[in-house]
N, C-alpha and C. Protein backbone atom coordinates (compact mmCIF):
# COMPACT_ATOMS: atom_id res chain seq x y z
N MET A 1 17.59 3.00 5.60
CA MET A 1 18.39 2.19 4.71
C MET A 1 19.82 2.17 5.22
N ARG A 2 20.44 1.03 5.03
CA ARG A 2 21.84 0.90 5.45
C ARG A 2 22.73 1.68 4.50
N HIS A 3 23.79 2.24 5.07
CA HIS A 3 24.75 3.00 4.27
C HIS A 3 25.41 2.08 3.25
N GLY A 4 25.64 2.63 2.07
CA GLY A 4 26.33 1.89 1.02
C GLY A 4 25.43 1.04 0.15
N LEU A 5 24.13 1.00 0.46
CA LEU A 5 23.19 0.23 -0.36
C LEU A 5 22.33 1.18 -1.18
N GLN A 6 22.04 0.75 -2.39
CA GLN A 6 21.18 1.55 -3.25
C GLN A 6 19.78 0.95 -3.24
N SER A 7 18.78 1.79 -3.09
CA SER A 7 17.40 1.33 -3.03
C SER A 7 16.92 0.89 -4.41
N LEU A 8 16.07 -0.13 -4.43
CA LEU A 8 15.43 -0.56 -5.67
C LEU A 8 14.29 0.39 -6.05
N VAL A 9 13.78 1.10 -5.06
CA VAL A 9 12.59 1.93 -5.22
C VAL A 9 12.96 3.39 -5.00
N PRO A 10 12.46 4.30 -5.83
CA PRO A 10 12.75 5.73 -5.62
C PRO A 10 12.27 6.19 -4.24
N GLU A 11 13.01 7.09 -3.65
CA GLU A 11 12.72 7.58 -2.29
C GLU A 11 11.30 8.11 -2.15
N ASN A 12 10.80 8.84 -3.16
CA ASN A 12 9.45 9.39 -3.06
C ASN A 12 8.39 8.29 -3.03
N GLU A 13 8.66 7.17 -3.67
CA GLU A 13 7.72 6.04 -3.64
C GLU A 13 7.72 5.36 -2.28
N ILE A 14 8.89 5.25 -1.67
CA ILE A 14 8.99 4.68 -0.32
C ILE A 14 8.23 5.56 0.67
N THR A 15 8.45 6.87 0.57
CA THR A 15 7.77 7.81 1.45
C THR A 15 6.26 7.71 1.25
N GLY A 16 5.82 7.65 0.01
CA GLY A 16 4.39 7.53 -0.29
C GLY A 16 3.79 6.24 0.25
N PHE A 17 4.54 5.16 0.17
CA PHE A 17 4.10 3.86 0.69
C PHE A 17 3.84 3.96 2.19
N MET A 18 4.77 4.59 2.90
CA MET A 18 4.65 4.70 4.35
C MET A 18 3.57 5.72 4.74
N GLU A 19 3.53 6.86 4.07
CA GLU A 19 2.56 7.89 4.42
C GLU A 19 1.13 7.47 4.10
N ALA A 20 0.94 6.65 3.11
CA ALA A 20 -0.40 6.18 2.75
C ALA A 20 -0.85 5.01 3.62
N ASN A 21 -0.02 4.66 4.59
CA ASN A 21 -0.33 3.57 5.51
C ASN A 21 -0.54 2.23 4.81
N ARG A 22 0.09 2.04 3.68
CA ARG A 22 -0.03 0.76 2.98
C ARG A 22 0.55 -0.38 3.81
N SER A 23 1.62 -0.09 4.55
CA SER A 23 2.20 -1.12 5.39
C SER A 23 1.23 -1.54 6.49
N ARG A 24 0.50 -0.57 7.05
CA ARG A 24 -0.52 -0.89 8.07
C ARG A 24 -1.66 -1.69 7.44
N SER A 25 -2.00 -1.39 6.20
CA SER A 25 -3.06 -2.12 5.51
C SER A 25 -2.70 -3.60 5.35
N ILE A 26 -1.44 -3.88 5.09
CA ILE A 26 -0.98 -5.26 4.98
C ILE A 26 -1.22 -5.98 6.30
N LEU A 27 -0.86 -5.34 7.40
CA LEU A 27 -1.05 -5.95 8.72
C LEU A 27 -2.53 -6.10 9.05
N LYS A 28 -3.33 -5.09 8.72
CA LYS A 28 -4.77 -5.15 8.98
C LYS A 28 -5.41 -6.34 8.26
N ALA A 29 -5.00 -6.57 7.02
CA ALA A 29 -5.55 -7.71 6.26
C ALA A 29 -5.21 -9.03 6.95
N ALA A 30 -4.01 -9.13 7.46
CA ALA A 30 -3.59 -10.36 8.14
C ALA A 30 -4.33 -10.56 9.45
N GLU A 31 -4.74 -9.48 10.10
CA GLU A 31 -5.42 -9.58 11.39
C GLU A 31 -6.79 -10.25 11.30
N GLY A 32 -7.31 -10.40 10.10
CA GLY A 32 -8.61 -11.03 9.93
C GLY A 32 -8.69 -12.45 10.47
N LEU A 33 -7.56 -13.12 10.57
CA LEU A 33 -7.53 -14.50 11.08
C LEU A 33 -6.98 -14.59 12.49
N SER A 34 -6.70 -13.46 13.12
CA SER A 34 -6.03 -13.49 14.42
C SER A 34 -6.88 -14.13 15.51
N GLN A 35 -8.18 -14.10 15.37
CA GLN A 35 -9.05 -14.73 16.35
C GLN A 35 -8.71 -16.22 16.48
N TRP A 36 -8.31 -16.82 15.39
CA TRP A 36 -8.00 -18.24 15.39
C TRP A 36 -6.51 -18.53 15.39
N ALA A 37 -5.75 -17.68 14.74
CA ALA A 37 -4.31 -17.94 14.56
C ALA A 37 -3.43 -17.24 15.59
N GLY A 38 -4.00 -16.31 16.34
CA GLY A 38 -3.21 -15.55 17.31
C GLY A 38 -2.81 -14.19 16.78
N LYS A 39 -2.14 -13.44 17.63
CA LYS A 39 -1.72 -12.07 17.29
C LYS A 39 -0.76 -12.05 16.10
N VAL A 40 -0.98 -11.12 15.21
CA VAL A 40 -0.09 -10.93 14.06
C VAL A 40 1.22 -10.33 14.56
N GLU A 41 2.32 -10.98 14.27
CA GLU A 41 3.64 -10.48 14.65
C GLU A 41 4.29 -9.74 13.49
N GLY A 42 3.92 -10.10 12.29
CA GLY A 42 4.48 -9.46 11.11
C GLY A 42 3.88 -10.07 9.87
N ALA A 43 4.14 -9.46 8.75
CA ALA A 43 3.66 -9.97 7.47
C ALA A 43 4.81 -9.91 6.47
N LEU A 44 4.94 -10.96 5.71
CA LEU A 44 6.01 -11.06 4.72
C LEU A 44 5.42 -10.94 3.32
N VAL A 45 5.96 -10.01 2.55
CA VAL A 45 5.56 -9.83 1.16
C VAL A 45 6.74 -10.27 0.31
N ARG A 46 6.49 -11.20 -0.60
CA ARG A 46 7.57 -11.73 -1.44
C ARG A 46 7.48 -11.13 -2.84
N TYR A 47 8.39 -10.21 -3.10
CA TYR A 47 8.51 -9.65 -4.44
C TYR A 47 9.54 -10.47 -5.21
N GLU A 48 9.57 -10.26 -6.50
CA GLU A 48 10.53 -10.96 -7.36
C GLU A 48 11.97 -10.64 -6.95
N LYS A 49 12.22 -9.42 -6.50
CA LYS A 49 13.59 -8.99 -6.22
C LYS A 49 13.92 -8.88 -4.74
N VAL A 50 12.92 -8.83 -3.88
CA VAL A 50 13.18 -8.56 -2.46
C VAL A 50 12.01 -9.07 -1.61
N PHE A 51 12.29 -9.36 -0.36
CA PHE A 51 11.25 -9.61 0.63
C PHE A 51 10.99 -8.30 1.39
N LEU A 52 9.75 -8.01 1.71
CA LEU A 52 9.43 -6.94 2.65
C LEU A 52 8.81 -7.61 3.87
N TYR A 53 9.37 -7.33 5.03
CA TYR A 53 8.83 -7.86 6.27
C TYR A 53 8.27 -6.68 7.05
N VAL A 54 6.97 -6.69 7.28
CA VAL A 54 6.26 -5.59 7.92
C VAL A 54 5.94 -6.00 9.36
N ILE A 55 6.37 -5.19 10.32
CA ILE A 55 6.23 -5.51 11.73
C ILE A 55 5.50 -4.37 12.44
N GLN A 56 4.44 -4.72 13.18
CA GLN A 56 3.73 -3.72 13.97
C GLN A 56 4.49 -3.48 15.27
N LEU A 57 4.82 -2.23 15.53
CA LEU A 57 5.43 -1.83 16.79
C LEU A 57 4.30 -1.24 17.66
N GLN A 58 4.64 -0.57 18.74
CA GLN A 58 3.61 0.01 19.60
C GLN A 58 2.70 0.94 18.80
N ALA A 59 3.25 2.02 18.30
CA ALA A 59 2.46 3.01 17.56
C ALA A 59 2.90 3.13 16.11
N ASP A 60 3.97 2.47 15.76
CA ASP A 60 4.55 2.60 14.43
C ASP A 60 4.62 1.25 13.73
N VAL A 61 5.07 1.31 12.50
CA VAL A 61 5.29 0.10 11.71
C VAL A 61 6.73 0.13 11.22
N LEU A 62 7.40 -1.01 11.33
CA LEU A 62 8.76 -1.15 10.82
C LEU A 62 8.69 -2.00 9.56
N VAL A 63 9.28 -1.52 8.48
CA VAL A 63 9.32 -2.28 7.22
C VAL A 63 10.77 -2.56 6.90
N LEU A 64 11.09 -3.84 6.83
CA LEU A 64 12.45 -4.27 6.48
C LEU A 64 12.45 -4.83 5.07
N SER A 65 13.38 -4.38 4.26
CA SER A 65 13.58 -5.02 2.95
C SER A 65 14.76 -5.98 3.12
N ILE A 66 14.55 -7.19 2.67
CA ILE A 66 15.53 -8.26 2.88
C ILE A 66 15.82 -8.93 1.54
N ASP A 67 17.09 -9.17 1.29
CA ASP A 67 17.52 -9.80 0.05
C ASP A 67 16.79 -11.11 -0.19
N ARG A 68 16.38 -11.35 -1.42
CA ARG A 68 15.64 -12.58 -1.77
C ARG A 68 16.46 -13.85 -1.56
N GLU A 69 17.76 -13.73 -1.53
CA GLU A 69 18.61 -14.90 -1.32
C GLU A 69 18.67 -15.33 0.15
N THR A 70 18.09 -14.53 1.03
CA THR A 70 18.10 -14.83 2.46
C THR A 70 17.21 -16.04 2.72
N PRO A 71 17.72 -17.04 3.42
CA PRO A 71 16.86 -18.19 3.77
C PRO A 71 15.67 -17.73 4.61
N PHE A 72 14.53 -18.29 4.32
CA PHE A 72 13.29 -17.91 4.98
C PHE A 72 13.41 -17.94 6.50
N GLU A 73 14.06 -18.96 7.04
CA GLU A 73 14.16 -19.10 8.49
C GLU A 73 15.03 -18.02 9.13
N ARG A 74 15.81 -17.30 8.36
CA ARG A 74 16.66 -16.22 8.89
C ARG A 74 15.92 -14.89 9.02
N ILE A 75 14.79 -14.75 8.37
CA ILE A 75 14.09 -13.47 8.35
C ILE A 75 13.69 -13.02 9.76
N ALA A 76 13.13 -13.92 10.55
CA ALA A 76 12.74 -13.56 11.92
C ALA A 76 13.98 -13.19 12.75
N GLN A 77 15.07 -13.87 12.53
CA GLN A 77 16.31 -13.56 13.26
C GLN A 77 16.81 -12.16 12.90
N ILE A 78 16.75 -11.83 11.63
CA ILE A 78 17.16 -10.50 11.17
C ILE A 78 16.27 -9.44 11.81
N ALA A 79 14.97 -9.68 11.81
CA ALA A 79 14.03 -8.72 12.40
C ALA A 79 14.32 -8.53 13.89
N GLU A 80 14.55 -9.61 14.61
CA GLU A 80 14.86 -9.51 16.04
C GLU A 80 16.15 -8.72 16.27
N SER A 81 17.13 -8.94 15.42
CA SER A 81 18.40 -8.21 15.54
C SER A 81 18.19 -6.71 15.32
N VAL A 82 17.41 -6.35 14.31
CA VAL A 82 17.13 -4.94 14.03
C VAL A 82 16.37 -4.32 15.19
N LEU A 83 15.36 -5.02 15.68
CA LEU A 83 14.58 -4.51 16.81
C LEU A 83 15.47 -4.32 18.03
N HIS A 84 16.37 -5.26 18.25
CA HIS A 84 17.30 -5.14 19.38
C HIS A 84 18.20 -3.92 19.20
N ASP A 85 18.74 -3.76 17.98
CA ASP A 85 19.61 -2.61 17.69
C ASP A 85 18.87 -1.28 17.89
N LEU A 86 17.59 -1.28 17.57
CA LEU A 86 16.78 -0.08 17.75
C LEU A 86 16.23 0.04 19.17
N GLN A 87 16.59 -0.92 19.99
CA GLN A 87 16.16 -1.00 21.39
C GLN A 87 14.65 -1.08 21.49
N LEU A 88 14.06 -1.87 20.59
CA LEU A 88 12.61 -2.07 20.58
C LEU A 88 12.24 -3.48 20.99
N ALA A 89 13.22 -4.35 21.17
CA ALA A 89 12.92 -5.74 21.53
C ALA A 89 13.10 -5.94 23.02
């Protein structure tokens, strides 16, 4: 999480979400169409208050929470920027 921001979700719930591999389950569900649609690059979950963008890395999963006011076309740009900053792109 970025400094100075308060999470909408309690820390223990975030940890539980990641440890239970729920983020991987989201990607696995999307992979069902990959034979026809191509490799899954990420999955977007639209909550009432926030977007979650789930991205499969080599061995890990990156989950970005993005403000709902963010234009849809900016989400991929934000993800690329984060991946670049983490030296994963």
